[in-house]
N, C-alpha and C. Protein backbone atom coordinates (compact mmCIF):
# COMPACT_ATOMS: atom_id res chain seq x y z
N UNK A 1 0.67 -1.78 -0.33
CA UNK A 1 0.21 -0.23 -0.06
C UNK A 1 0.85 0.87 -0.05
N UNK A 2 0.29 2.01 -0.45
CA UNK A 2 1.21 4.07 -1.26
C UNK A 2 1.39 4.90 0.48
N UNK A 3 2.02 4.81 0.82
CA UNK A 3 1.42 6.08 1.75
C UNK A 3 0.62 7.11 1.58
N UNK A 4 0.95 7.13 0.78
CA UNK A 4 -0.61 8.19 -0.29
C UNK A 4 -1.89 7.87 0.11
N UNK A 5 -1.91 6.26 0.25
CA UNK A 5 -3.67 5.48 0.37
C UNK A 5 -3.29 5.39 2.04
N UNK A 6 -2.57 5.55 3.04
CA UNK A 6 -2.76 5.11 4.03
C UNK A 6 -4.27 4.98 4.86
N UNK A 7 -3.97 6.39 4.90
CA UNK A 7 -5.50 7.25 5.51
C UNK A 7 -6.90 6.70 4.92
N UNK A 8 -6.98 6.73 3.13
CA UNK A 8 -7.58 7.06 2.62
C UNK A 8 -8.06 8.50 2.02
N UNK A 9 -8.29 8.73 1.43
CA UNK A 9 -9.38 10.71 1.11
C UNK A 9 -9.76 10.41 -0.74
N UNK A 10 -11.01 11.15 0.11
CA UNK A 10 -11.31 11.87 -1.78
C UNK A 10 -11.64 13.27 -1.47
N UNK A 11 -11.42 13.75 -2.95
CA UNK A 11 -11.19 14.98 -3.15
C UNK A 11 -11.88 15.74 -4.09
N UNK A 12 -12.15 17.08 -3.63
CA UNK A 12 -12.68 17.39 -6.19
C UNK A 12 -13.00 18.93 -5.15
N UNK A 13 -12.73 19.51 -6.58
CA UNK A 13 -13.27 21.20 -6.65
C UNK A 13 -13.45 21.57 -8.49
N UNK A 14 -14.15 22.24 -8.22
CA UNK A 14 -15.22 22.34 -9.28
C UNK A 14 -15.95 24.34 -9.72
N UNK A 15 -15.38 24.79 -10.92
CA UNK A 15 -15.89 25.68 -10.97
C UNK A 15 -17.75 25.95 -11.64
N UNK A 16 -18.09 26.71 -10.96
CA UNK A 16 -19.22 27.29 -11.73
C UNK A 16 -18.94 29.09 -12.49
N UNK A 17 -20.46 29.39 -12.36
CA UNK A 17 -20.50 30.59 -12.54
C UNK A 17 -20.12 31.59 -11.88
N UNK A 18 -18.82 32.35 -11.66
CA UNK A 18 -18.74 33.29 -10.30
C UNK A 18 -19.03 32.54 -9.11
N UNK A 19 -18.02 31.09 -9.33
CA UNK A 19 -18.55 30.72 -8.35
C UNK A 19 -17.46 29.19 -8.10
N UNK A 20 -16.83 28.58 -6.64
CA UNK A 20 -17.18 27.69 -7.24
C UNK A 20 -16.82 26.28 -6.01
N UNK A 21 -17.11 25.40 -5.93
CA UNK A 21 -17.63 24.44 -4.85
C UNK A 21 -16.40 23.31 -4.50
N UNK A 22 -15.66 23.33 -3.35
CA UNK A 22 -14.97 22.16 -2.99
C UNK A 22 -15.47 21.52 -1.96
N UNK A 23 -14.69 19.34 -2.49
CA UNK A 23 -15.73 18.23 -0.82
C UNK A 23 -14.96 17.77 -1.62
N UNK A 24 -14.59 17.05 0.28
CA UNK A 24 -14.27 15.94 0.67
C UNK A 24 -14.41 15.27 1.37
N UNK A 25 -14.66 13.87 1.60
CA UNK A 25 -14.94 12.69 2.35
C UNK A 25 -14.69 12.95 4.14
N UNK A 26 -15.11 12.67 4.63
CA UNK A 26 -14.97 12.22 6.00
C UNK A 26 -14.55 11.20 6.88
N UNK A 27 -13.71 10.96 6.08
CA UNK A 27 -13.50 9.13 6.46
C UNK A 27 -11.53 9.50 7.24
N UNK A 28 -11.40 9.28 8.20
CA UNK A 28 -10.08 8.93 8.59
C UNK A 28 -10.02 7.08 8.54
N UNK A 29 -8.91 7.05 7.74
CA UNK A 29 -8.71 5.40 8.81
C UNK A 29 -7.32 5.14 8.73
N UNK A 30 -6.87 3.82 9.20
CA UNK A 30 -5.13 3.17 9.09
C UNK A 30 -5.82 1.95 8.21
N UNK A 31 -5.18 2.21 6.37
CA UNK A 31 -5.87 1.59 5.77
C UNK A 31 -6.71 0.65 6.01
N UNK A 32 -7.04 -0.23 5.79
CA UNK A 32 -8.76 -0.58 6.27
C UNK A 32 -9.74 0.09 7.67
N UNK A 33 -8.72 0.07 7.91
CA UNK A 33 -9.75 0.36 9.79
C UNK A 33 -9.65 2.49 9.76
N UNK A 34 -11.18 1.87 9.65
CA UNK A 34 -11.81 3.38 10.04
C UNK A 34 -11.54 4.06 11.38
N UNK A 35 -11.21 5.43 10.84
CA UNK A 35 -10.66 5.50 12.09
C UNK A 35 -12.05 7.12 13.34
N UNK A 36 -12.17 7.73 11.83
CA UNK A 36 -12.73 9.24 12.27
C UNK A 36 -13.90 9.00 10.96
N UNK A 37 -15.11 9.42 12.08
CA UNK A 37 -16.13 9.42 10.79
C UNK A 37 -16.30 11.06 10.08
N UNK A 38 -15.64 12.22 11.24
CA UNK A 38 -15.43 13.71 10.56
C UNK A 38 -14.43 14.36 10.82
N UNK A 39 -13.84 13.87 9.93
CA UNK A 39 -12.01 13.59 9.55
C UNK A 39 -12.41 15.32 8.26
N UNK A 40 -12.05 16.50 8.51
CA UNK A 40 -11.64 17.83 8.15
C UNK A 40 -10.72 17.54 7.31
N UNK A 41 -11.10 17.95 6.10
CA UNK A 41 -10.03 17.68 4.65
C UNK A 41 -9.61 18.97 4.39
N UNK A 42 -10.84 20.03 4.90
CA UNK A 42 -10.66 21.38 3.94
C UNK A 42 -10.76 22.81 4.79
N UNK A 43 -10.14 23.54 4.73
CA UNK A 43 -9.77 24.33 5.93
C UNK A 43 -9.61 25.58 4.97
N UNK A 44 -9.73 26.90 5.08
CA UNK A 44 -10.42 28.23 4.41
C UNK A 44 -9.42 28.19 5.16
N UNK A 45 -8.61 29.31 3.65
CA UNK A 45 -7.01 29.92 4.24
C UNK A 45 -8.06 31.90 4.35
N UNK A 46 -8.92 32.10 3.35
CA UNK A 46 -9.58 33.32 3.81
C UNK A 46 -10.45 33.11 3.22
N UNK A 47 -11.82 34.31 3.10
CA UNK A 47 -13.30 33.63 3.02
C UNK A 47 -13.09 33.51 1.24
N UNK A 48 -12.38 33.31 0.32
CA UNK A 48 -12.32 33.43 -0.44
C UNK A 48 -11.49 32.37 -1.34
N UNK A 49 -10.81 31.65 -0.32
CA UNK A 49 -9.53 31.07 -0.85
C UNK A 49 -9.92 29.37 0.92
N UNK A 50 -9.78 28.48 -0.22
CA UNK A 50 -9.97 26.89 0.97
C UNK A 50 -8.72 26.54 0.33
N UNK A 51 -8.46 25.31 0.66
CA UNK A 51 -6.94 24.33 0.33
C UNK A 51 -7.56 23.00 0.58
N UNK A 52 -7.79 21.58 0.28
CA UNK A 52 -8.03 20.18 0.38
C UNK A 52 -6.72 19.59 0.89
N UNK A 53 -6.84 19.19 1.66
CA UNK A 53 -5.56 18.14 1.83
C UNK A 53 -5.35 16.90 1.20
N UNK A 54 -5.43 15.57 0.76
CA UNK A 54 -5.25 14.65 0.84
C UNK A 54 -3.63 13.89 0.55
N UNK A 55 -3.96 12.59 0.88
CA UNK A 55 -3.10 11.85 1.59
C UNK A 55 -2.75 11.84 3.05
N UNK A 56 -1.51 11.54 3.10
CA UNK A 56 -1.18 10.66 4.57
C UNK A 56 -1.86 12.34 5.91
N UNK A 57 -2.28 12.41 6.78
CA UNK A 57 -3.40 13.22 7.60
C UNK A 57 -2.73 13.85 8.47
N UNK A 58 -1.67 13.06 8.86
CA UNK A 58 -0.61 14.32 10.14
C UNK A 58 0.12 15.50 9.23
N UNK A 59 1.43 14.34 7.73
CA UNK A 59 1.60 15.55 6.76
C UNK A 59 0.38 17.04 6.13
N UNK A 60 -0.50 16.28 6.20
CA UNK A 60 -2.03 17.53 5.93
C UNK A 60 -1.58 19.06 6.27
N UNK A 61 -2.16 18.47 8.08
CA UNK A 61 -1.86 19.71 9.48
C UNK A 61 -0.91 19.84 9.38
N UNK A 62 0.77 19.81 9.52
CA UNK A 62 1.48 19.63 9.93
C UNK A 62 1.44 21.15 8.39
N UNK A 63 1.30 20.77 7.31
CA UNK A 63 1.65 21.73 5.70
C UNK A 63 0.23 22.74 6.38
N UNK A 64 -0.48 22.30 6.04
CA UNK A 64 -1.81 23.62 6.70
C UNK A 64 -0.65 24.06 7.25
N UNK A 65 -0.34 24.63 9.28
CA UNK A 65 -0.06 25.50 9.92
C UNK A 65 1.10 25.93 9.70
N UNK A 66 1.90 25.51 8.05
CA UNK A 66 2.97 26.65 7.53
C UNK A 66 2.19 27.32 6.78
N UNK A 67 0.94 26.95 6.48
CA UNK A 67 0.69 27.77 5.54
C UNK A 67 -0.13 28.48 5.81
N UNK A 68 -1.11 28.64 7.05
CA UNK A 68 -1.30 29.66 7.54
C UNK A 68 0.15 31.23 8.07
N UNK A 69 0.63 29.83 9.07
CA UNK A 69 1.58 31.17 8.89
C UNK A 69 2.27 32.08 7.95
N UNK A 70 2.58 31.11 6.95
CA UNK A 70 3.46 31.66 5.45
C UNK A 70 1.99 33.26 5.56
N UNK A 71 0.81 32.56 5.62
CA UNK A 71 -0.65 34.01 5.08
C UNK A 71 -0.63 34.80 5.68
N UNK A 72 -0.53 33.93 7.33
CA UNK A 72 -0.37 35.61 8.42
C UNK A 72 0.71 36.59 7.70
N UNK A 73 1.59 36.38 7.65
CA UNK A 73 2.51 37.01 7.46
C UNK A 73 2.22 37.86 5.99
N UNK A 74 2.16 37.15 5.11
CA UNK A 74 1.70 38.37 4.16
C UNK A 74 1.10 39.01 3.67
N UNK A 75 0.14 38.70 4.68
CA UNK A 75 -1.11 40.08 5.15
C UNK A 75 -0.67 40.82 6.03
N UNK A 76 0.40 40.22 7.03
CA UNK A 76 0.87 41.11 7.67
C UNK A 76 1.75 42.63 7.23
N UNK A 77 2.21 41.99 6.14
CA UNK A 77 3.37 43.02 4.79
C UNK A 77 2.72 43.78 3.78
N UNK A 78 1.25 42.95 3.04
CA UNK A 78 1.04 43.16 1.95
C UNK A 78 -0.39 44.01 2.82
N UNK A 79 -1.32 43.77 3.86
CA UNK A 79 -2.07 44.32 4.63
C UNK A 79 -3.32 43.99 3.71
N UNK A 80 -2.99 42.78 2.76
CA UNK A 80 -4.56 42.39 1.70
C UNK A 80 -4.56 40.95 2.00
N UNK A 81 -5.00 40.06 0.95
CA UNK A 81 -5.92 38.40 1.34
C UNK A 81 -4.59 38.25 0.18
N UNK A 82 -4.44 37.23 0.53
CA UNK A 82 -3.43 36.20 -1.12
C UNK A 82 -4.30 36.12 -2.56
N UNK A 83 -4.00 36.84 -3.60
CA UNK A 83 -4.52 35.69 -4.55
C UNK A 83 -4.45 34.53 -4.71
N UNK A 84 -5.49 33.14 -4.83
CA UNK A 84 -5.30 32.07 -5.12
C UNK A 84 -4.27 31.94 -6.03
N UNK A 85 -3.93 32.46 -6.83
CA UNK A 85 -2.45 32.07 -8.00
C UNK A 85 -1.67 32.65 -6.99
N UNK A 86 -0.99 33.68 -6.43
CA UNK A 86 0.15 33.30 -5.72
C UNK A 86 0.25 32.62 -4.64
N UNK A 87 -1.43 31.89 -3.91
CA UNK A 87 -1.36 30.91 -2.89
C UNK A 87 -0.77 29.84 -3.54
N UNK A 88 -1.35 29.71 -4.35
CA UNK A 88 -1.11 28.22 -5.19
C UNK A 88 0.29 28.49 -5.41
N UNK A 89 1.41 29.07 -6.12
CA UNK A 89 2.72 29.52 -6.21
C UNK A 89 3.24 29.27 -5.08
N UNK A 90 2.85 29.88 -4.07
CA UNK A 90 3.59 29.51 -2.33
C UNK A 90 3.35 27.99 -1.95
N UNK A 91 2.35 27.43 -2.16
CA UNK A 91 2.06 25.92 -1.55
C UNK A 91 2.83 24.80 -2.79
N UNK A 92 3.14 25.00 -3.92
CA UNK A 92 4.07 24.47 -4.93
C UNK A 92 5.34 25.13 -3.99
N UNK A 93 5.71 25.93 -4.03
CA UNK A 93 7.22 26.31 -3.68
C UNK A 93 7.73 25.05 -2.25
N UNK A 94 6.31 25.29 -1.63
CA UNK A 94 6.63 25.02 -0.14
C UNK A 94 7.24 23.20 -0.11
N UNK A 95 6.72 21.97 -1.19
CA UNK A 95 6.13 21.68 -1.58
C UNK A 95 7.82 20.79 -2.19
N UNK A 96 7.50 21.47 -3.02
CA UNK A 96 9.54 21.36 -3.31
C UNK A 96 10.58 21.72 -2.96
N UNK A 97 10.53 22.69 -1.99
CA UNK A 97 12.02 22.84 -1.00
C UNK A 97 11.62 21.56 -0.14
N UNK A 98 11.01 20.32 0.17
CA UNK A 98 10.96 19.58 1.10
C UNK A 98 10.84 17.93 -0.07
N UNK A 99 11.34 17.96 -1.29
CA UNK A 99 11.28 17.34 -2.77
C UNK A 99 12.00 15.87 -2.35
N UNK A 100 13.35 16.28 -0.57
CA UNK A 100 13.80 14.98 -1.02
C UNK A 100 13.65 14.29 0.35
N UNK A 101 12.69 15.24 1.10
CA UNK A 101 11.77 14.33 1.69
C UNK A 101 10.76 14.61 2.90
N UNK A 102 9.43 14.64 1.16
CA UNK A 102 8.25 15.75 1.04
C UNK A 102 6.84 15.42 1.38
N UNK A 103 6.55 16.50 2.17
CA UNK A 103 5.07 15.87 2.56
C UNK A 103 4.50 14.84 1.83
N UNK A 104 4.25 13.84 2.12
CA UNK A 104 2.85 13.06 1.60
C UNK A 104 1.75 13.62 1.15
N UNK A 105 1.32 14.81 0.62
CA UNK A 105 0.07 15.69 0.28
C UNK A 105 -0.21 16.10 -0.98
N UNK A 106 -1.07 15.39 -1.70
CA UNK A 106 -2.13 16.46 -2.99
C UNK A 106 -2.83 17.64 -2.53
N UNK A 107 -2.56 18.74 -2.39
CA UNK A 107 -3.46 20.17 -2.15
C UNK A 107 -3.75 20.02 -2.97
N UNK A 108 -5.74 20.02 -3.55
CA UNK A 108 -6.38 20.66 -4.07
C UNK A 108 -6.54 22.21 -3.76
N UNK A 109 -6.47 23.36 -4.41
CA UNK A 109 -6.40 24.76 -4.07
C UNK A 109 -7.31 25.51 -4.56
N UNK A 110 -8.35 25.72 -4.32
CA UNK A 110 -9.63 26.72 -5.41
C UNK A 110 -10.58 27.82 -4.48
N UNK A 111 -10.24 28.87 -5.44
CA UNK A 111 -10.62 30.40 -5.07
C UNK A 111 -11.65 31.17 -5.91
N UNK A 112 -11.37 32.89 -6.08
CA UNK A 112 -11.86 33.32 -6.31
C UNK A 112 -11.22 34.63 -6.39
N UNK A 113 -10.61 34.74 -7.73
CA UNK A 113 -9.13 35.65 -7.78
C UNK A 113 -10.12 36.93 -8.35
N UNK A 114 -9.78 37.51 -9.29
CA UNK A 114 -9.87 39.83 -10.09
C UNK A 114 -11.36 39.01 -10.53
N UNK A 115 -12.22 40.30 -10.57
CA UNK A 115 -12.91 39.89 -11.19
C UNK A 115 -14.28 38.48 -10.48
N UNK A 116 -13.82 38.01 -8.97
CA UNK A 116 -15.00 37.02 -8.53
C UNK A 116 -14.01 35.75 -10.12
N UNK A 117 -13.25 35.40 -10.32
CA UNK A 117 -13.45 34.40 -12.06
C UNK A 117 -12.43 33.32 -10.87
N UNK A 118 -13.50 32.00 -10.85
CA UNK A 118 -13.01 31.10 -10.05
C UNK A 118 -11.35 30.10 -10.76
N UNK A 119 -10.70 30.02 -9.52
CA UNK A 119 -9.27 29.93 -9.81
C UNK A 119 -9.03 28.26 -9.10
N UNK A 120 -8.88 27.50 -9.43
CA UNK A 120 -8.62 25.52 -9.20
C UNK A 120 -7.44 25.10 -9.99
N UNK A 121 -6.94 24.16 -8.76
CA UNK A 121 -5.44 23.51 -9.00
C UNK A 121 -5.17 22.40 -7.89
N UNK A 122 -4.42 21.84 -8.32
CA UNK A 122 -4.15 20.51 -8.11
C UNK A 122 -2.48 20.32 -7.57
N UNK A 123 -2.01 19.64 -6.80
CA UNK A 123 -0.26 19.31 -7.62
C UNK A 123 0.25 18.15 -7.36
N UNK A 124 1.17 17.46 -7.24
CA UNK A 124 1.62 16.71 -6.24
C UNK A 124 2.43 16.50 -4.88
N UNK A 125 3.25 15.55 -4.59
CA UNK A 125 3.45 15.99 -3.56
C UNK A 125 4.82 16.59 -3.68
N UNK A 126 5.54 17.05 -5.33
CA UNK A 126 6.84 17.66 -5.15
C UNK A 126 6.57 19.17 -5.56
N UNK A 127 4.94 19.81 -5.79
CA UNK A 127 4.64 20.88 -5.57
C UNK A 127 4.75 21.26 -7.60
N UNK A 128 4.20 19.31 -8.16
CA UNK A 128 3.94 19.70 -9.88
C UNK A 128 2.53 20.29 -10.16
N UNK A 129 1.96 21.79 -10.33
CA UNK A 129 0.82 22.08 -10.07
C UNK A 129 -0.07 21.70 -11.51
N UNK A 130 -1.19 21.23 -11.27
CA UNK A 130 -1.84 20.88 -13.14
C UNK A 130 -3.46 22.20 -12.63
N UNK A 131 -2.99 22.80 -13.46
CA UNK A 131 -4.53 23.77 -13.40
C UNK A 131 -5.49 22.96 -14.44
N UNK A 132 -6.96 23.54 -14.28
CA UNK A 132 -8.02 23.27 -14.65
C UNK A 132 -8.71 23.68 -14.84
N UNK A 133 -9.83 24.12 -16.18
CA UNK A 133 -10.89 25.30 -16.11
C UNK A 133 -12.28 24.51 -15.46
N UNK A 134 -12.07 23.22 -15.39
CA UNK A 134 -13.73 22.73 -14.88
C UNK A 134 -13.74 22.60 -14.03
N UNK A 135 -12.88 21.10 -13.34
CA UNK A 135 -12.59 20.19 -12.03
C UNK A 135 -11.65 19.85 -11.82
N UNK A 136 -11.07 19.73 -10.40
CA UNK A 136 -9.43 18.72 -10.32
C UNK A 136 -9.75 18.06 -9.23
N UNK A 137 -9.10 17.46 -9.06
CA UNK A 137 -8.58 15.92 -8.00
C UNK A 137 -8.41 15.12 -7.67
N UNK A 138 -8.45 14.54 -6.39
CA UNK A 138 -6.89 14.05 -5.70
C UNK A 138 -7.41 12.67 -4.81
N UNK A 139 -6.71 12.46 -4.25
CA UNK A 139 -6.80 11.07 -2.95
C UNK A 139 -7.31 9.54 -3.64
N UNK A 140 -7.62 8.68 -3.06
CA UNK A 140 -8.45 7.45 -3.66
C UNK A 140 -8.62 7.12 -4.52
N UNK A 141 -9.80 7.89 -3.81
CA UNK A 141 -10.57 7.93 -4.95
C UNK A 141 -10.89 8.37 -6.49
N UNK A 142 -9.58 9.00 -6.47
CA UNK A 142 -9.81 10.14 -7.54
C UNK A 142 -9.67 9.26 -9.17
N UNK A 143 -9.86 8.55 -9.62
CA UNK A 143 -10.40 7.63 -10.45
C UNK A 143 -11.55 7.59 -10.77
N UNK A 144 -12.27 6.83 -9.51
CA UNK A 144 -14.05 7.49 -9.80
C UNK A 144 -14.22 8.23 -9.62
N UNK A 145 -13.78 9.52 -9.26
CA UNK A 145 -14.20 11.14 -9.09
C UNK A 145 -14.18 11.45 -10.37
N UNK A 146 -13.00 11.35 -10.73
CA UNK A 146 -12.65 11.46 -12.18
C UNK A 146 -13.89 11.12 -13.47
N UNK A 147 -14.51 9.97 -13.80
CA UNK A 147 -15.51 9.43 -14.20
C UNK A 147 -17.19 9.99 -14.35
N UNK A 148 -17.02 10.07 -12.91
CA UNK A 148 -18.65 11.20 -11.90
C UNK A 148 -17.88 12.39 -12.97
N UNK A 149 -17.27 13.30 -12.35
CA UNK A 149 -17.33 14.98 -12.92
C UNK A 149 -16.73 14.67 -14.18
N UNK A 150 -16.23 13.61 -15.47
CA UNK A 150 -16.60 14.57 -16.39
C UNK A 150 -17.78 13.65 -16.63
N UNK A 151 -18.85 12.99 -16.52
CA UNK A 151 -20.46 12.80 -16.87
C UNK A 151 -21.12 13.89 -16.50
N UNK A 152 -20.74 14.82 -14.87
CA UNK A 152 -21.59 15.29 -14.43
C UNK A 152 -21.50 16.54 -14.62
N UNK A 153 -20.31 17.07 -15.26
CA UNK A 153 -19.90 18.42 -15.40
C UNK A 153 -20.83 19.72 -16.16
N UNK A 154 -21.04 20.60 -16.39
CA UNK A 154 -21.27 21.97 -17.21
C UNK A 154 -21.02 22.76 -16.68
N UNK A 155 -20.32 23.62 -17.89
CA UNK A 155 -19.81 24.54 -17.45
C UNK A 155 -20.94 25.82 -16.90
N UNK A 156 -20.47 27.29 -16.11
CA UNK A 156 -21.84 28.07 -15.89
C UNK A 156 -22.58 27.75 -15.18
N UNK A 157 -21.74 26.89 -14.51
CA UNK A 157 -23.24 26.30 -12.93
C UNK A 157 -23.58 27.52 -11.96
N UNK A 158 -24.46 27.46 -11.70
CA UNK A 158 -25.29 28.11 -10.67
C UNK A 158 -24.85 28.01 -9.57
N UNK A 159 -24.40 28.63 -8.55
CA UNK A 159 -24.81 27.61 -6.48
C UNK A 159 -24.83 26.47 -6.68
N UNK A 160 -26.28 26.87 -6.58
CA UNK A 160 -27.09 25.04 -6.09
C UNK A 160 -26.96 24.48 -6.94
N UNK A 161 -26.92 24.19 -8.74
CA UNK A 161 -26.46 23.24 -9.62
C UNK A 161 -25.84 22.46 -9.37
N UNK A 162 -24.22 23.96 -8.63
CA UNK A 162 -22.88 23.39 -8.50
C UNK A 162 -22.79 22.04 -7.42
N UNK A 163 -23.78 22.85 -6.28
CA UNK A 163 -23.38 22.14 -4.78
C UNK A 163 -24.12 20.90 -5.35
N UNK A 164 -25.47 20.27 -5.98
CA UNK A 164 -25.70 19.54 -6.42
C UNK A 164 -25.01 18.58 -7.26
N UNK A 165 -24.10 18.92 -8.07
CA UNK A 165 -23.67 18.00 -8.70
C UNK A 165 -22.38 17.90 -8.58
N UNK A 166 -21.80 18.83 -7.42
CA UNK A 166 -20.28 17.80 -7.07
C UNK A 166 -20.76 16.76 -5.88
N UNK A 167 -21.65 16.94 -5.52
CA UNK A 167 -22.45 15.59 -3.88
C UNK A 167 -22.05 15.10 -4.66
N UNK A 168 -23.71 15.24 -5.83
CA UNK A 168 -23.36 13.67 -6.36
C UNK A 168 -22.01 12.96 -6.85
N UNK A 169 -21.75 13.56 -7.63
CA UNK A 169 -20.19 12.68 -8.68
C UNK A 169 -19.00 12.26 -6.59
N UNK A 170 -18.82 13.39 -6.06
CA UNK A 170 -18.39 12.38 -4.67
C UNK A 170 -18.96 11.26 -4.12
N UNK A 171 -20.08 11.42 -3.91
CA UNK A 171 -20.67 9.96 -3.36
C UNK A 171 -20.67 9.18 -3.96
N UNK A 172 -20.86 9.61 -4.98
CA UNK A 172 -20.78 8.40 -6.21
C UNK A 172 -19.47 7.47 -5.97
N UNK A 173 -18.48 8.68 -6.07
CA UNK A 173 -17.32 8.09 -5.85
C UNK A 173 -16.52 7.02 -4.94
N UNK A 174 -16.93 8.12 -3.35
CA UNK A 174 -17.35 7.28 -2.51
C UNK A 174 -16.71 6.00 -2.23
N UNK A 175 -18.46 5.77 -2.92
CA UNK A 175 -18.27 4.59 -3.66
C UNK A 175 -17.94 2.43 -3.87
N UNK A 176 -18.23 3.94 -4.16
CA UNK A 176 -16.39 2.97 -5.99
C UNK A 176 -15.43 2.84 -4.63
N UNK A 177 -14.90 3.44 -3.85
CA UNK A 177 -13.84 2.99 -2.60
C UNK A 177 -13.73 3.18 -1.65
N UNK A 178 -12.41 1.92 -0.55
CA UNK A 178 -13.22 0.88 0.17
C UNK A 178 -12.29 2.33 1.47
N UNK A 179 -11.10 2.79 0.51
CA UNK A 179 -10.30 3.76 1.88
C UNK A 179 -11.49 4.89 1.92
N UNK A 180 -11.62 5.05 1.69
CA UNK A 180 -12.80 6.53 1.13
C UNK A 180 -14.65 6.41 1.52
N UNK A 181 -15.20 7.75 2.24
CA UNK A 181 -15.85 7.08 2.64
C UNK A 181 -16.83 7.97 4.32
N UNK A 182 -18.41 7.10 4.43
CA UNK A 182 -17.95 8.75 4.93
C UNK A 182 -19.28 9.59 4.92
N UNK A 183 -19.46 9.54 4.00
CA UNK A 183 -20.86 11.28 4.03
C UNK A 183 -19.40 12.64 3.27
N UNK A 184 -19.23 13.13 3.00
CA UNK A 184 -18.60 14.32 2.46
C UNK A 184 -19.03 16.42 3.31
N UNK A 185 -18.51 16.55 2.86
CA UNK A 185 -17.94 17.87 3.49
C UNK A 185 -17.60 18.96 2.43
N UNK A 186 -18.43 19.72 2.07
CA UNK A 186 -18.84 20.58 0.52
C UNK A 186 -18.78 21.73 0.95
N UNK A 187 -17.50 23.21 0.40
CA UNK A 187 -18.13 24.40 0.74
C UNK A 187 -18.53 24.67 -0.88
N UNK A 188 -19.61 25.63 -1.19
CA UNK A 188 -19.91 26.62 -1.86
C UNK A 188 -19.61 28.05 -1.81
N UNK A 189 -18.69 28.69 -2.76
CA UNK A 189 -18.43 29.98 -2.24
C UNK A 189 -18.74 31.22 -3.20
N UNK A 190 -19.47 32.21 -3.38
CA UNK A 190 -19.59 32.67 -4.12
C UNK A 190 -18.88 34.45 -3.43
N UNK A 191 -19.34 35.06 -4.61
CA UNK A 191 -18.56 36.31 -4.07
C UNK A 191 -18.54 36.85 -2.87
N UNK A 192 -20.50 36.47 -2.67
CA UNK A 192 -20.84 37.13 -1.14
C UNK A 192 -21.35 36.12 -0.17
N UNK A 193 -21.18 35.12 -0.10
CA UNK A 193 -21.04 34.21 1.28
C UNK A 193 -20.11 32.84 0.75
N UNK A 194 -20.16 32.04 1.59
CA UNK A 194 -19.53 30.72 1.76
C UNK A 194 -21.01 29.96 2.54
N UNK A 195 -21.74 29.13 1.67
CA UNK A 195 -21.58 27.70 2.43
C UNK A 195 -21.85 26.81 3.01
N UNK A 196 -22.35 26.20 3.58
CA UNK A 196 -21.36 24.43 3.90
C UNK A 196 -21.93 23.48 4.45
N UNK A 197 -21.89 22.91 3.85
CA UNK A 197 -22.98 21.97 4.05
C UNK A 197 -21.89 20.03 4.14
N UNK A 198 -22.77 19.52 5.36
CA UNK A 198 -22.34 18.02 4.99
C UNK A 198 -23.72 17.23 4.59
N UNK A 199 -22.72 16.18 3.86
CA UNK A 199 -23.09 14.63 3.06
C UNK A 199 -23.67 13.96 4.28
N UNK A 200 -24.51 13.60 4.43
CA UNK A 200 -24.48 11.85 4.71
C UNK A 200 -24.21 10.47 4.31
N UNK A 201 -23.15 10.12 4.45
CA UNK A 201 -23.00 9.00 3.80
C UNK A 201 -24.34 8.15 3.75
N UNK A 202 -23.91 7.04 2.37
CA UNK A 202 -25.05 6.06 2.18
C UNK A 202 -25.08 5.17 3.76
N UNK A 203 -24.29 5.26 4.45
CA UNK A 203 -24.12 4.17 5.62
C UNK A 203 -24.42 4.49 6.90
N UNK A 204 -24.42 6.15 6.84
CA UNK A 204 -25.31 7.10 8.22
C UNK A 204 -26.64 6.72 8.53
């Protein structure tokens, strides 16, 4: 078993019309044994920027704390929040700094940039960025997430339709992966509000 699969995870971000959604499963496991069913994989950096960290749970928490520290330093120096593109470059360079002993994480970054244009990207453990204009996925359920998102995604969805689409894609995908599951955690972000919802899993 790969170290990336040790805790299991499913992460997906999707863009809509001047909005984005980011969702994850809620299972924390040690290989096939479930330890917790309310694990938080997605974190808020500021009101229009979120990061999800799949992979080894301990490395995810360490990396998140370091990213919050760097972002607070940026806020103090620049007196403004970081743009999503800038934050993605920060995460990428921090991952690459540790390339000989990397954080075993695959980050998914989603935010609203200038003119409220949605930005999403993901990267591997050493910070190689993969940008997309529709959706990005990460985690042990990524193969089934690719298929579900490919068939369900439509361009320029409004916030409510985007929530429905990402939720269905996530729930149908984690059903096909025994290392992730137990419902989902979804954030839908528009220029004016952040909606957070918990999805019940098939077994709840």
